[in-house]
PDB file of all heavy atoms in Angstrom:
ATOM      1  N   LEU A   1      28.668  50.535  87.107  1.00  0.00           N
ATOM      2  CA  LEU A   1      28.593  51.275  88.365  1.00  0.00           C
ATOM      3  C   LEU A   1      28.316  52.743  88.076  1.00  0.00           C
ATOM      4  O   LEU A   1      28.990  53.361  87.260  1.00  0.00           O
ATOM      5  CB  LEU A   1      29.909  51.123  89.132  1.00  0.00           C
ATOM      6  CG  LEU A   1      29.866  51.418  90.626  1.00  0.00           C
ATOM      7  CD1 LEU A   1      28.968  50.430  91.362  1.00  0.00           C
ATOM      8  CD2 LEU A   1      31.271  51.359  91.211  1.00  0.00           C
ATOM      9  N   TYR A   2      27.281  53.266  88.721  1.00  0.00           N
ATOM     10  CA  TYR A   2      26.935  54.681  88.591  1.00  0.00           C
ATOM     11  C   TYR A   2      26.593  55.200  89.984  1.00  0.00           C
ATOM     12  O   TYR A   2      25.671  54.706  90.633  1.00  0.00           O
ATOM     13  CB  TYR A   2      25.740  54.866  87.647  1.00  0.00           C
ATOM     14  CG  TYR A   2      25.088  56.233  87.746  1.00  0.00           C
ATOM     15  CD1 TYR A   2      25.687  57.344  87.170  1.00  0.00           C
ATOM     16  CD2 TYR A   2      23.890  56.404  88.437  1.00  0.00           C
ATOM     17  CE1 TYR A   2      25.103  58.597  87.275  1.00  0.00           C
ATOM     18  CE2 TYR A   2      23.301  57.656  88.551  1.00  0.00           C
ATOM     19  CZ  TYR A   2      23.906  58.744  87.970  1.00  0.00           C
ATOM     20  OH  TYR A   2      23.338  59.983  88.079  1.00  0.00           O
ATOM     21  N   ASN A   3      27.343  56.174  90.458  1.00  0.00           N
ATOM     22  CA  ASN A   3      27.086  56.794  91.754  1.00  0.00           C
ATOM     23  C   ASN A   3      26.985  55.749  92.880  1.00  0.00           C
ATOM     24  O   ASN A   3      26.061  55.758  93.681  1.00  0.00           O
ATOM     25  CB  ASN A   3      25.787  57.625  91.663  1.00  0.00           C
ATOM     26  CG  ASN A   3      25.742  58.720  92.684  1.00  0.00           C
ATOM     27  OD1 ASN A   3      26.771  59.215  93.113  1.00  0.00           O
ATOM     28  ND2 ASN A   3      24.542  59.101  93.088  1.00  0.00           N
ATOM     29  N   LYS A   4      27.919  54.802  92.865  1.00  0.00           N
ATOM     30  CA  LYS A   4      28.011  53.701  93.846  1.00  0.00           C
ATOM     31  C   LYS A   4      26.809  52.746  93.783  1.00  0.00           C
ATOM     32  O   LYS A   4      26.506  52.043  94.737  1.00  0.00           O
ATOM     33  CB  LYS A   4      28.172  54.248  95.271  1.00  0.00           C
ATOM     34  CG  LYS A   4      29.429  55.055  95.471  1.00  0.00           C
ATOM     35  CD  LYS A   4      29.519  55.586  96.871  1.00  0.00           C
ATOM     36  CE  LYS A   4      30.725  56.504  97.010  1.00  0.00           C
ATOM     37  NZ  LYS A   4      30.757  57.194  98.279  1.00  0.00           N
ATOM     38  N   ARG A   5      26.117  52.738  92.650  1.00  0.00           N
ATOM     39  CA  ARG A   5      24.968  51.838  92.460  1.00  0.00           C
ATOM     40  C   ARG A   5      25.167  51.083  91.148  1.00  0.00           C
ATOM     41  O   ARG A   5      25.654  51.650  90.176  1.00  0.00           O
ATOM     42  CB  ARG A   5      23.661  52.629  92.400  1.00  0.00           C
ATOM     43  CG  ARG A   5      23.394  53.478  93.626  1.00  0.00           C
ATOM     44  CD  ARG A   5      22.174  54.355  93.430  1.00  0.00           C
ATOM     45  NE  ARG A   5      20.945  53.584  93.497  1.00  0.00           N
ATOM     46  CZ  ARG A   5      20.315  53.291  94.636  1.00  0.00           C
ATOM     47  NH1 ARG A   5      20.797  53.707  95.794  1.00  0.00           N
ATOM     48  NH2 ARG A   5      19.213  52.589  94.625  1.00  0.00           N
ATOM     49  N   ILE A   6      24.770  49.804  91.119  1.00  0.00           N
ATOM     50  CA  ILE A   6      24.886  49.015  89.891  1.00  0.00           C
ATOM     51  C   ILE A   6      23.603  49.188  89.086  1.00  0.00           C
ATOM     52  O   ILE A   6      22.502  48.891  89.561  1.00  0.00           O
ATOM     53  CB  ILE A   6      25.144  47.526  90.193  1.00  0.00           C
ATOM     54  CG1 ILE A   6      26.507  47.378  90.879  1.00  0.00           C
ATOM     55  CG2 ILE A   6      25.090  46.692  88.918  1.00  0.00           C
ATOM     56  CD1 ILE A   6      26.796  46.000  91.411  1.00  0.00           C
ATOM     57  N   LEU A   7      23.750  49.692  87.867  1.00  0.00           N
ATOM     58  CA  LEU A   7      22.599  49.922  86.993  1.00  0.00           C
ATOM     59  C   LEU A   7      22.111  48.614  86.380  1.00  0.00           C
ATOM     60  O   LEU A   7      22.901  47.742  86.035  1.00  0.00           O
ATOM     61  CB  LEU A   7      22.969  50.889  85.866  1.00  0.00           C
ATOM     62  CG  LEU A   7      23.402  52.294  86.266  1.00  0.00           C
ATOM     63  CD1 LEU A   7      23.807  53.079  85.026  1.00  0.00           C
ATOM     64  CD2 LEU A   7      22.311  53.022  87.015  1.00  0.00           C
ATOM     65  N   HIS A   8      20.793  48.511  86.231  1.00  0.00           N
ATOM     66  CA  HIS A   8      20.176  47.385  85.527  1.00  0.00           C
ATOM     67  C   HIS A   8      19.424  47.981  84.344  1.00  0.00           C
ATOM     68  O   HIS A   8      18.403  48.652  84.527  1.00  0.00           O
ATOM     69  CB  HIS A   8      19.237  46.602  86.441  1.00  0.00           C
ATOM     70  CG  HIS A   8      19.931  46.060  87.652  1.00  0.00           C
ATOM     71  ND1 HIS A   8      20.781  44.981  87.589  1.00  0.00           N
ATOM     72  CD2 HIS A   8      19.923  46.460  88.945  1.00  0.00           C
ATOM     73  CE1 HIS A   8      21.257  44.738  88.792  1.00  0.00           C
ATOM     74  NE2 HIS A   8      20.760  45.624  89.638  1.00  0.00           N
ATOM     75  N   VAL A   9      19.957  47.774  83.147  1.00  0.00           N
ATOM     76  CA  VAL A   9      19.408  48.405  81.944  1.00  0.00           C
ATOM     77  C   VAL A   9      18.844  47.330  81.025  1.00  0.00           C
ATOM     78  O   VAL A   9      19.514  46.342  80.720  1.00  0.00           O
ATOM     79  CB  VAL A   9      20.496  49.217  81.197  1.00  0.00           C
ATOM     80  CG1 VAL A   9      19.888  50.011  80.058  1.00  0.00           C
ATOM     81  CG2 VAL A   9      21.227  50.148  82.156  1.00  0.00           C
ATOM     82  N   SER A  10      17.602  47.531  80.598  1.00  0.00           N
ATOM     83  CA  SER A  10      16.948  46.554  79.718  1.00  0.00           C
ATOM     84  C   SER A  10      16.002  47.280  78.772  1.00  0.00           C
ATOM     85  O   SER A  10      15.680  48.451  78.968  1.00  0.00           O
ATOM     86  CB  SER A  10      16.174  45.521  80.541  1.00  0.00           C
ATOM     87  OG  SER A  10      15.189  46.164  81.328  1.00  0.00           O
ATOM     88  N   VAL A  11      15.533  46.551  77.759  1.00  0.00           N
ATOM     89  CA  VAL A  11      14.581  47.126  76.812  1.00  0.00           C
ATOM     90  C   VAL A  11      13.205  47.150  77.490  1.00  0.00           C
ATOM     91  O   VAL A  11      12.869  46.273  78.263  1.00  0.00           O
ATOM     92  CB  VAL A  11      14.561  46.319  75.482  1.00  0.00           C
ATOM     93  CG1 VAL A  11      13.963  44.943  75.657  1.00  0.00           C
ATOM     94  CG2 VAL A  11      13.820  47.064  74.400  1.00  0.00           C
ATOM     95  N   TRP A  12      12.451  48.202  77.215  1.00  0.00           N
ATOM     96  CA  TRP A  12      11.094  48.331  77.772  1.00  0.00           C
ATOM     97  C   TRP A  12      10.178  47.361  77.067  1.00  0.00           C
ATOM     98  O   TRP A  12      10.207  47.241  75.838  1.00  0.00           O
ATOM     99  CB  TRP A  12      10.629  49.776  77.603  1.00  0.00           C
ATOM    100  CG  TRP A  12       9.258  50.053  78.138  1.00  0.00           C
ATOM    101  CD1 TRP A  12       8.768  49.719  79.370  1.00  0.00           C
ATOM    102  CD2 TRP A  12       8.191  50.745  77.477  1.00  0.00           C
ATOM    103  NE1 TRP A  12       7.478  50.160  79.514  1.00  0.00           N
ATOM    104  CE2 TRP A  12       7.099  50.794  78.362  1.00  0.00           C
ATOM    105  CE3 TRP A  12       8.066  51.324  76.227  1.00  0.00           C
ATOM    106  CZ2 TRP A  12       5.891  51.404  78.033  1.00  0.00           C
ATOM    107  CZ3 TRP A  12       6.868  51.937  75.900  1.00  0.00           C
ATOM    108  CH2 TRP A  12       5.795  51.966  76.795  1.00  0.00           C
ATOM    109  N   ASP A  13       9.321  46.661  77.823  1.00  0.00           N
ATOM    110  CA  ASP A  13       8.431  45.668  77.206  1.00  0.00           C
ATOM    111  C   ASP A  13       7.219  46.295  76.524  1.00  0.00           C
ATOM    112  O   ASP A  13       6.425  45.594  75.896  1.00  0.00           O
ATOM    113  CB  ASP A  13       7.978  44.618  78.234  1.00  0.00           C
ATOM    114  CG  ASP A  13       7.146  45.205  79.371  1.00  0.00           C
ATOM    115  OD1 ASP A  13       6.790  46.399  79.307  1.00  0.00           O
ATOM    116  OD2 ASP A  13       6.852  44.467  80.333  1.00  0.00           O
ATOM    117  N   GLY A  14       7.050  47.604  76.638  1.00  0.00           N
ATOM    118  CA  GLY A  14       5.934  48.273  75.965  1.00  0.00           C
ATOM    119  C   GLY A  14       4.672  48.332  76.810  1.00  0.00           C
ATOM    120  O   GLY A  14       3.703  48.993  76.439  1.00  0.00           O
ATOM    121  N   ARG A  15       4.660  47.650  77.943  1.00  0.00           N
ATOM    122  CA  ARG A  15       3.459  47.607  78.777  1.00  0.00           C
ATOM    123  C   ARG A  15       3.676  48.139  80.190  1.00  0.00           C
ATOM    124  O   ARG A  15       2.810  48.774  80.756  1.00  0.00           O
ATOM    125  CB  ARG A  15       2.940  46.167  78.878  1.00  0.00           C
ATOM    126  CG  ARG A  15       2.388  45.629  77.581  1.00  0.00           C
ATOM    127  CD  ARG A  15       1.829  44.233  77.743  1.00  0.00           C
ATOM    128  NE  ARG A  15       2.821  43.278  78.206  1.00  0.00           N
ATOM    129  CZ  ARG A  15       3.682  42.632  77.433  1.00  0.00           C
ATOM    130  NH1 ARG A  15       3.677  42.859  76.135  1.00  0.00           N
ATOM    131  NH2 ARG A  15       4.549  41.779  77.926  1.00  0.00           N
ATOM    132  N   GLU A  16       4.825  47.859  80.772  1.00  0.00           N
ATOM    133  CA  GLU A  16       5.054  48.192  82.177  1.00  0.00           C
ATOM    134  C   GLU A  16       4.995  49.704  82.409  1.00  0.00           C
ATOM    135  O   GLU A  16       5.574  50.483  81.664  1.00  0.00           O
ATOM    136  CB  GLU A  16       6.416  47.654  82.626  1.00  0.00           C
ATOM    137  CG  GLU A  16       6.625  47.734  84.116  1.00  0.00           C
ATOM    138  CD  GLU A  16       7.939  47.123  84.579  1.00  0.00           C
ATOM    139  OE1 GLU A  16       8.711  46.614  83.735  1.00  0.00           O
ATOM    140  OE2 GLU A  16       8.181  47.159  85.783  1.00  0.00           O
ATOM    141  N   LYS A  17       4.253  50.085  83.453  1.00  0.00           N
ATOM    142  CA  LYS A  17       4.115  51.498  83.819  1.00  0.00           C
ATOM    143  C   LYS A  17       4.949  51.765  85.069  1.00  0.00           C
ATOM    144  O   LYS A  17       5.032  50.943  85.960  1.00  0.00           O
ATOM    145  CB  LYS A  17       2.648  51.827  84.122  1.00  0.00           C
ATOM    146  CG  LYS A  17       1.696  51.488  82.983  1.00  0.00           C
ATOM    147  CD  LYS A  17       1.664  52.575  81.952  1.00  0.00           C
ATOM    148  CE  LYS A  17       0.604  52.330  80.909  1.00  0.00           C
ATOM    149  NZ  LYS A  17       1.088  51.903  79.637  1.00  0.00           N
ATOM    150  N   PHE A  18       5.537  52.945  85.125  1.00  0.00           N
ATOM    151  CA  PHE A  18       6.431  53.281  86.235  1.00  0.00           C
ATOM    152  C   PHE A  18       5.947  54.470  87.061  1.00  0.00           C
ATOM    153  O   PHE A  18       6.512  54.759  88.096  1.00  0.00           O
ATOM    154  CB  PHE A  18       7.837  53.576  85.706  1.00  0.00           C
ATOM    155  CG  PHE A  18       8.428  52.416  84.964  1.00  0.00           C
ATOM    156  CD1 PHE A  18       8.449  52.408  83.579  1.00  0.00           C
ATOM    157  CD2 PHE A  18       8.928  51.317  85.641  1.00  0.00           C
ATOM    158  CE1 PHE A  18       8.981  51.335  82.880  1.00  0.00           C
ATOM    159  CE2 PHE A  18       9.460  50.237  84.952  1.00  0.00           C
ATOM    160  CZ  PHE A  18       9.485  50.247  83.573  1.00  0.00           C
ATOM    161  N   LYS A  19       4.900  55.145  86.597  1.00  0.00           N
ATOM    162  CA  LYS A  19       4.420  56.328  87.312  1.00  0.00           C
ATOM    163  C   LYS A  19       3.772  55.898  88.630  1.00  0.00           C
ATOM    164  O   LYS A  19       2.932  55.008  88.662  1.00  0.00           O
ATOM    165  CB  LYS A  19       3.410  57.095  86.458  1.00  0.00           C
ATOM    166  CG  LYS A  19       3.070  58.433  87.029  1.00  0.00           C
ATOM    167  CD  LYS A  19       2.232  59.249  86.072  1.00  0.00           C
ATOM    168  CE  LYS A  19       1.958  60.612  86.683  1.00  0.00           C
ATOM    169  NZ  LYS A  19       1.196  61.461  85.818  1.00  0.00           N
ATOM    170  N   ILE A  20       4.171  56.550  89.712  1.00  0.00           N
ATOM    171  CA  ILE A  20       3.632  56.265  91.036  1.00  0.00           C
ATOM    172  C   ILE A  20       2.613  57.342  91.381  1.00  0.00           C
ATOM    173  O   ILE A  20       2.917  58.534  91.314  1.00  0.00           O
ATOM    174  CB  ILE A  20       4.753  56.247  92.118  1.00  0.00           C
ATOM    175  CG1 ILE A  20       5.835  55.219  91.759  1.00  0.00           C
ATOM    176  CG2 ILE A  20       4.197  56.009  93.508  1.00  0.00           C
ATOM    177  CD1 ILE A  20       5.433  53.785  91.830  1.00  0.00           C
ATOM    178  N   GLU A  21       1.399  56.908  91.712  1.00  0.00           N
ATOM    179  CA  GLU A  21       0.346  57.856  92.085  1.00  0.00           C
ATOM    180  C   GLU A  21       0.533  58.285  93.536  1.00  0.00           C
ATOM    181  O   GLU A  21       0.726  57.463  94.412  1.00  0.00           O
ATOM    182  CB  GLU A  21      -1.040  57.218  91.898  1.00  0.00           C
ATOM    183  CG  GLU A  21      -1.387  56.921  90.450  1.00  0.00           C
ATOM    184  CD  GLU A  21      -1.434  58.145  89.558  1.00  0.00           C
ATOM    185  OE1 GLU A  21      -1.846  59.225  90.041  1.00  0.00           O
ATOM    186  OE2 GLU A  21      -1.050  58.035  88.383  1.00  0.00           O
ATOM    187  N   GLU A  22       0.451  59.583  93.757  1.00  0.00           N
ATOM    188  CA  GLU A  22       0.595  60.132  95.104  1.00  0.00           C
ATOM    189  C   GLU A  22      -0.778  60.393  95.711  1.00  0.00           C
ATOM    190  O   GLU A  22      -1.741  60.631  94.984  1.00  0.00           O
ATOM    191  CB  GLU A  22       1.327  61.477  95.054  1.00  0.00           C
ATOM    192  CG  GLU A  22       2.720  61.434  94.530  1.00  0.00           C
ATOM    193  CD  GLU A  22       3.294  62.826  94.385  1.00  0.00           C
ATOM    194  OE1 GLU A  22       2.900  63.530  93.452  1.00  0.00           O
ATOM    195  OE2 GLU A  22       4.130  63.186  95.221  1.00  0.00           O
ATOM    196  N   THR A  23      -0.833  60.397  97.034  1.00  0.00           N
ATOM    197  CA  THR A  23      -2.049  60.842  97.709  1.00  0.00           C
ATOM    198  C   THR A  23      -2.071  62.362  97.620  1.00  0.00           C
ATOM    199  O   THR A  23      -1.049  62.992  97.314  1.00  0.00           O
ATOM    200  CB  THR A  23      -2.067  60.400  99.187  1.00  0.00           C
ATOM    201  OG1 THR A  23      -0.988  61.060  99.867  1.00  0.00           O
ATOM    202  CG2 THR A  23      -1.951  58.901  99.335  1.00  0.00           C
ATOM    203  N   GLU A  24      -3.209  62.973  97.912  1.00  0.00           N
ATOM    204  CA  GLU A  24      -3.338  64.432  97.858  1.00  0.00           C
ATOM    205  C   GLU A  24      -2.371  65.113  98.836  1.00  0.00           C
ATOM    206  O   GLU A  24      -1.745  66.120  98.514  1.00  0.00           O
ATOM    207  CB  GLU A  24      -4.788  64.830  98.171  1.00  0.00           C
ATOM    208  CG  GLU A  24      -5.138  66.245  97.765  1.00  0.00           C
ATOM    209  CD  GLU A  24      -4.943  66.554  96.284  1.00  0.00           C
ATOM    210  OE1 GLU A  24      -5.283  65.712  95.426  1.00  0.00           O
ATOM    211  OE2 GLU A  24      -4.404  67.645  95.989  1.00  0.00           O
ATOM    212  N   GLU A  25      -2.218  64.508 100.036  1.00  0.00           N
ATOM    213  CA  GLU A  25      -1.320  65.075 101.052  1.00  0.00           C
ATOM    214  C   GLU A  25       0.135  65.015 100.581  1.00  0.00           C
ATOM    215  O   GLU A  25       0.885  65.980 100.722  1.00  0.00           O
ATOM    216  CB  GLU A  25      -1.446  64.323 102.398  1.00  0.00           C
ATOM    217  CG  GLU A  25      -2.794  64.452 103.077  1.00  0.00           C
ATOM    218  CD  GLU A  25      -3.845  63.492 102.536  1.00  0.00           C
ATOM    219  OE1 GLU A  25      -3.494  62.377 102.092  1.00  0.00           O
ATOM    220  OE2 GLU A  25      -5.030  63.873 102.545  1.00  0.00           O
ATOM    221  N   GLU A  26       0.521  63.856 100.005  1.00  0.00           N
ATOM    222  CA  GLU A  26       1.892  63.699  99.499  1.00  0.00           C
ATOM    223  C   GLU A  26       2.177  64.703  98.386  1.00  0.00           C
ATOM    224  O   GLU A  26       3.259  65.288  98.322  1.00  0.00           O
ATOM    225  CB  GLU A  26       2.108  62.276  98.971  1.00  0.00           C
ATOM    226  CG  GLU A  26       2.198  61.217 100.043  1.00  0.00           C
ATOM    227  CD  GLU A  26       2.202  59.807  99.482  1.00  0.00           C
ATOM    228  OE1 GLU A  26       1.629  59.576  98.388  1.00  0.00           O
ATOM    229  OE2 GLU A  26       2.775  58.924 100.137  1.00  0.00           O
ATOM    230  N   ARG A  27       1.170  64.894  97.538  1.00  0.00           N
ATOM    231  CA  ARG A  27       1.325  65.834  96.417  1.00  0.00           C
ATOM    232  C   ARG A  27       1.513  67.257  96.932  1.00  0.00           C
ATOM    233  O   ARG A  27       2.381  67.998  96.455  1.00  0.00           O
ATOM    234  CB  ARG A  27       0.096  65.739  95.516  1.00  0.00           C
ATOM    235  CG  ARG A  27       0.233  66.507  94.222  1.00  0.00           C
ATOM    236  CD  ARG A  27      -0.959  66.232  93.299  1.00  0.00           C
ATOM    237  NE  ARG A  27      -0.852  67.031  92.113  1.00  0.00           N
ATOM    238  CZ  ARG A  27      -1.260  68.317  92.026  1.00  0.00           C
ATOM    239  NH1 ARG A  27      -1.806  68.905  93.055  1.00  0.00           N
ATOM    240  NH2 ARG A  27      -1.119  68.986  90.903  1.00  0.00           N
ATOM    241  N   GLU A  28       0.695  67.654  97.916  1.00  0.00           N
ATOM    242  CA  GLU A  28       0.807  69.003  98.475  1.00  0.00           C
ATOM    243  C   GLU A  28       2.172  69.214  99.134  1.00  0.00           C
ATOM    244  O   GLU A  28       2.796  70.254  98.961  1.00  0.00           O
ATOM    245  CB  GLU A  28      -0.319  69.243  99.499  1.00  0.00           C
ATOM    246  CG  GLU A  28      -1.651  69.555  98.837  1.00  0.00           C
ATOM    247  CD  GLU A  28      -2.764  69.775  99.845  1.00  0.00           C
ATOM    248  OE1 GLU A  28      -2.495  70.282 100.948  1.00  0.00           O
ATOM    249  OE2 GLU A  28      -3.913  69.435  99.516  1.00  0.00           O
ATOM    250  N   GLU A  29       2.620  68.203  99.887  1.00  0.00           N
ATOM    251  CA  GLU A  29       3.920  68.284 100.561  1.00  0.00           C
ATOM    252  C   GLU A  29       5.043  68.407  99.533  1.00  0.00           C
ATOM    253  O   GLU A  29       5.966  69.209  99.682  1.00  0.00           O
ATOM    254  CB  GLU A  29       4.117  67.042 101.430  1.00  0.00           C
ATOM    255  CG  GLU A  29       5.410  67.016 102.214  1.00  0.00           C
ATOM    256  CD  GLU A  29       5.570  68.193 103.169  1.00  0.00           C
ATOM    257  OE1 GLU A  29       4.572  68.644 103.756  1.00  0.00           O
ATOM    258  OE2 GLU A  29       6.717  68.666 103.309  1.00  0.00           O
ATOM    259  N   ARG A  30       4.920  67.644  98.461  1.00  0.00           N
ATOM    260  CA  ARG A  30       5.923  67.662  97.390  1.00  0.00           C
ATOM    261  C   ARG A  30       5.953  69.032  96.712  1.00  0.00           C
ATOM    262  O   ARG A  30       7.023  69.582  96.445  1.00  0.00           O
ATOM    263  CB  ARG A  30       5.566  66.568  96.389  1.00  0.00           C
ATOM    264  CG  ARG A  30       6.520  66.329  95.261  1.00  0.00           C
ATOM    265  CD  ARG A  30       5.987  65.089  94.545  1.00  0.00           C
ATOM    266  NE  ARG A  30       6.418  64.941  93.201  1.00  0.00           N
ATOM    267  CZ  ARG A  30       7.522  64.317  92.835  1.00  0.00           C
ATOM    268  NH1 ARG A  30       8.329  63.820  93.732  1.00  0.00           N
ATOM    269  NH2 ARG A  30       7.821  64.182  91.557  1.00  0.00           N
ATOM    270  N   LEU A  31       4.782  69.616  96.443  1.00  0.00           N
ATOM    271  CA  LEU A  31       4.719  70.938  95.815  1.00  0.00           C
ATOM    272  C   LEU A  31       5.306  72.020  96.727  1.00  0.00           C
ATOM    273  O   LEU A  31       5.972  72.945  96.248  1.00  0.00           O
ATOM    274  CB  LEU A  31       3.265  71.280  95.434  1.00  0.00           C
ATOM    275  CG  LEU A  31       2.685  70.482  94.265  1.00  0.00           C
ATOM    276  CD1 LEU A  31       1.204  70.759  94.099  1.00  0.00           C
ATOM    277  CD2 LEU A  31       3.422  70.765  92.969  1.00  0.00           C
ATOM    278  N   LYS A  32       5.070  71.897  98.029  1.00  0.00           N
ATOM    279  CA  LYS A  32       5.653  72.850  98.990  1.00  0.00           C
ATOM    280  C   LYS A  32       7.179  72.790  98.939  1.00  0.00           C
ATOM    281  O   LYS A  32       7.858  73.806  98.938  1.00  0.00           O
ATOM    282  CB  LYS A  32       5.176  72.531 100.416  1.00  0.00           C
ATOM    283  CG  LYS A  32       3.802  73.054 100.742  1.00  0.00           C
ATOM    284  CD  LYS A  32       3.451  72.702 102.177  1.00  0.00           C
ATOM    285  CE  LYS A  32       1.969  72.888 102.430  1.00  0.00           C
ATOM    286  NZ  LYS A  32       1.553  72.352 103.733  1.00  0.00           N
ATOM    287  N   ARG A  33       7.702  71.543  98.911  1.00  0.00           N
ATOM    288  CA  ARG A  33       9.159  71.378  98.862  1.00  0.00           C
ATOM    289  C   ARG A  33       9.724  71.965  97.580  1.00  0.00           C
ATOM    290  O   ARG A  33      10.770  72.605  97.581  1.00  0.00           O
ATOM    291  CB  ARG A  33       9.536  69.889  98.992  1.00  0.00           C
ATOM    292  CG  ARG A  33       9.375  69.335 100.387  1.00  0.00           C
ATOM    293  CD  ARG A  33      10.159  68.055 100.607  1.00  0.00           C
ATOM    294  NE  ARG A  33      10.065  67.089  99.533  1.00  0.00           N
ATOM    295  CZ  ARG A  33       9.150  66.104  99.475  1.00  0.00           C
ATOM    296  NH1 ARG A  33       8.260  65.980 100.438  1.00  0.00           N
ATOM    297  NH2 ARG A  33       9.163  65.255  98.481  1.00  0.00           N
ATOM    298  N   TRP A  34       9.025  71.740  96.445  1.00  0.00           N
ATOM    299  CA  TRP A  34       9.489  72.285  95.163  1.00  0.00           C
ATOM    300  C   TRP A  34       9.471  73.809  95.190  1.00  0.00           C
ATOM    301  O   TRP A  34      10.398  74.465  94.710  1.00  0.00           O
ATOM    302  CB  TRP A  34       8.615  71.770  94.006  1.00  0.00           C
ATOM    303  CG  TRP A  34       9.193  70.570  93.346  1.00  0.00           C
ATOM    304  CD1 TRP A  34       8.739  69.300  93.409  1.00  0.00           C
ATOM    305  CD2 TRP A  34      10.373  70.525  92.532  1.00  0.00           C
ATOM    306  NE1 TRP A  34       9.552  68.460  92.692  1.00  0.00           N
ATOM    307  CE2 TRP A  34      10.563  69.177  92.136  1.00  0.00           C
ATOM    308  CE3 TRP A  34      11.291  71.472  92.097  1.00  0.00           C
ATOM    309  CZ2 TRP A  34      11.611  68.762  91.333  1.00  0.00           C
ATOM    310  CZ3 TRP A  34      12.343  71.059  91.288  1.00  0.00           C
ATOM    311  CH2 TRP A  34      12.494  69.720  90.923  1.00  0.00           C
ATOM    312  N   SER A  35       8.405  74.380  95.755  1.00  0.00           N
ATOM    313  CA  SER A  35       8.317  75.851  95.838  1.00  0.00           C
ATOM    314  C   SER A  35       9.474  76.399  96.655  1.00  0.00           C
ATOM    315  O   SER A  35      10.121  77.377  96.267  1.00  0.00           O
ATOM    316  CB  SER A  35       6.986  76.274  96.480  1.00  0.00           C
ATOM    317  OG  SER A  35       5.928  75.898  95.655  1.00  0.00           O
ATOM    318  N   LYS A  36       9.733  75.743  97.781  1.00  0.00           N
ATOM    319  CA  LYS A  36      10.827  76.166  98.660  1.00  0.00           C
ATOM    320  C   LYS A  36      12.162  76.053  97.917  1.00  0.00           C
ATOM    321  O   LYS A  36      13.017  76.937  97.993  1.00  0.00           O
ATOM    322  CB  LYS A  36      10.819  75.269  99.897  1.00  0.00           C
ATOM    323  CG  LYS A  36      11.647  75.778 101.045  1.00  0.00           C
ATOM    324  CD  LYS A  36      11.432  74.871 102.246  1.00  0.00           C
ATOM    325  CE  LYS A  36      12.334  75.280 103.385  1.00  0.00           C
ATOM    326  NZ  LYS A  36      12.211  74.391 104.531  1.00  0.00           N
ATOM    327  N   PHE A  37      12.310  74.954  97.172  1.00  0.00           N
ATOM    328  CA  PHE A  37      13.529  74.714  96.395  1.00  0.00           C
ATOM    329  C   PHE A  37      13.725  75.808  95.340  1.00  0.00           C
ATOM    330  O   PHE A  37      14.804  76.368  95.189  1.00  0.00           O
ATOM    331  CB  PHE A  37      13.432  73.326  95.744  1.00  0.00           C
ATOM    332  CG  PHE A  37      14.499  73.043  94.721  1.00  0.00           C
ATOM    333  CD1 PHE A  37      15.814  72.857  95.089  1.00  0.00           C
ATOM    334  CD2 PHE A  37      14.172  72.954  93.369  1.00  0.00           C
ATOM    335  CE1 PHE A  37      16.791  72.596  94.145  1.00  0.00           C
ATOM    336  CE2 PHE A  37      15.142  72.691  92.427  1.00  0.00           C
ATOM    337  CZ  PHE A  37      16.453  72.505  92.812  1.00  0.00           C
ATOM    338  N   LEU A  38      12.641  76.160  94.628  1.00  0.00           N
ATOM    339  CA  LEU A  38      12.726  77.170  93.570  1.00  0.00           C
ATOM    340  C   LEU A  38      12.966  78.569  94.146  1.00  0.00           C
ATOM    341  O   LEU A  38      13.712  79.361  93.569  1.00  0.00           O
ATOM    342  CB  LEU A  38      11.454  77.150  92.717  1.00  0.00           C
ATOM    343  CG  LEU A  38      11.250  75.868  91.889  1.00  0.00           C
ATOM    344  CD1 LEU A  38       9.870  75.846  91.268  1.00  0.00           C
ATOM    345  CD2 LEU A  38      12.329  75.721  90.824  1.00  0.00           C
ATOM    346  N   GLU A  39      12.312  78.858  95.281  1.00  0.00           N
ATOM    347  CA  GLU A  39      12.501  80.167  95.919  1.00  0.00           C
ATOM    348  C   GLU A  39      13.938  80.353  96.408  1.00  0.00           C
ATOM    349  O   GLU A  39      14.453  81.461  96.443  1.00  0.00           O
ATOM    350  CB  GLU A  39      11.532  80.328  97.094  1.00  0.00           C
ATOM    351  CG  GLU A  39      10.105  80.578  96.649  1.00  0.00           C
ATOM    352  CD  GLU A  39       9.100  80.449  97.790  1.00  0.00           C
ATOM    353  OE1 GLU A  39       9.523  80.355  98.966  1.00  0.00           O
ATOM    354  OE2 GLU A  39       7.904  80.435  97.494  1.00  0.00           O
ATOM    355  N   SER A  40      14.564  79.236  96.797  1.00  0.00           N
ATOM    356  CA  SER A  40      15.932  79.331  97.316  1.00  0.00           C
ATOM    357  C   SER A  40      16.966  79.415  96.198  1.00  0.00           C
ATOM    358  O   SER A  40      18.156  79.358  96.441  1.00  0.00           O
ATOM    359  CB  SER A  40      16.232  78.136  98.214  1.00  0.00           C
ATOM    360  OG  SER A  40      16.265  76.941  97.449  1.00  0.00           O
TER     361      SER A  40
END
């Protein structure tokens, strides 16, 4: 149990990719939020 969630931990198979591609709009929105976060 970690932060009220049950962790599932396993060895990486060497092939599976986890990176999620964002659309241009999502990326811009995310960068705005990060800028706001850093400025604060």
